[in-house]
Amino acid sequence: MTVAVLSIIVLVALFAATLIPGFDLGLAALSAAFLLGLAAGVPADDVTKFFPADFFVLIVGVTALFAAVQLNGTLDWLLDLLLRLVGGRLLLVALVPFVIGAVLTAFGTLPAAATAIVAPIALGLASRYGFSPLVAAVVGINGIICGLLSPLAVYGVTARQLSAKFGIGLPGSAPVTFLLGGLLTGLLVCAGCLIVASRTGAVPPGRATAPIGGTDPAGVAAPVTVTGLQGTSPDPHERPRASGATGGTQPATAVSSPSRASPGSRGARALTVLCLLTVVVLSVGFEMNVGYLGLTAAIILQLVLRLEPGAIASQIPWGVVLLIGGLLTYVGLMQDLGAFKQISNLLQVEGSPLLSLLVLCYIAGVTSFAASSIAVFVTVIPLLPPLVADGISPVGGVLALALASVLVDINPLGITGGLILGAAEPSARPRLFRQLLTYGIISIVVAPFLTWLAFGWW
């Protein structure tokens, strides 16, 4: 057995071990890279060179910026503004998590962080207005998918950097195409979900006469009345809730922190919005590093707004940083040992690169069901160059693999499903668990094929 084959077996074992409660894939990947290096005679210093420093800066910088935006209350203000814009229209209320998720991820928020914000909002609105928690979750997560491939989003940046690293020749229009592909996919899934939901009563018709987030002087949400074709009736799901964007009985800490500045501070909001716009303009218009820009903006906000020391650093998802860093270190060593060349040869369907791409899409979808989608994505991208050389569209191939890995995320065995269940009321969790599991299993069968069918020829 060659060391390259051994590295493939170890990679499969690492992903299988994620089914073990408490197993840390990032730590294990770093340890596996060290041990594999010993077996292959690769010095530890050379193994360390595979650690993705650029990804570290990207993730830490972007999440630090959004942590500062959350801590000073601007994020709540932006979410409340979105909620007020839809008035009491119930169909538009159901779309609020979609818009929030799309905006958050389009501007660089990690999918897990965006889900942590969107899930309590979606489940809270579903409970308050009487529509299906599953519909709320699917709509919200597909909003996140809409923004995942934007030029600022982690998936979009990862796709471009890995494509350059592995010699996948992307055209100059690739960032726009990635954004449009993710947007189109999210919109179609969301539209289909809402059409079915409206016809089955999962989203009730009519509108609420009370404004969203309206509170009485005691801080309790105003009673909600739903009006429709059959007159007006009190909403049986209404109950007191905290004022703000979280809705339902979800704790305000889902989108807030006791260390934040006053949300009513107009100066803090103005400075924060200015920082966000500056980061967007400099990164998109002048191609400056968005990670370093985010770090700089976060430090400015911390100093000017006097945020609690260490508050921003504590909000950075270090587990995700370790996960991506560990896996990319291991994957870099695998590539150096020639493992991906062997995998590519095994997966290629002779004379049909399109069928080989379909196999890759199903590998990405099945693996992502219980593992991190971004981790799976960075693992399968190195398998794409031989297919591109055989005639597969580089943009279509990257899009198909990216979407095949994220569309199965709405299941109770992954991070996304766990955050959704955590945001649901305890009494609703057993049924929601079964619904999410069914949705996830169907997604495994359908999503990879549809993404391949839609984008494989691009």
Foldseek 3Di string as FASTA:
>chain_A
DDLLVVLVVVVVVLLVCLLPPPDQSLVVLQVVLCVSCVVVVHDPVNLLVLQPPLLLLLQLLQLLLVLLCLQQQLLLVVLVVLQQVVWFFQLVLLLSLLQQLLVCQLLEDALLLSLLQSLLLLQQSCLAQVAALVLSLLSNSLSNQLRCCACRGPLVVLLVVLCVVLVPDDDPCLNVVLNVLSNVVSVVSNVVSSVVRDVVVNGPGATWPDRPLDDDPVQWHDFTWGQDPVGIDGDPSDDTDGRTRSHHPFDPVSRYDPQHHDNPDPVLNVLSVVLSVVLVCCCVVVVDSSSVSSNVSSVVSCVVVVGPPPSSVVSRPVSVSSNQSSLSSSLVVSVVSVNLVVVLVVQDDPPDLLVSLLVLLLVLQVSLLQDPSVSSLSNSSSSCVVSVVVPWNSSLSSSLNSFSNSQLPQACNYSSNVSNLVSHDPVCNVVSNVVSHVSNVVSSVPRSVVSSVVRRRD
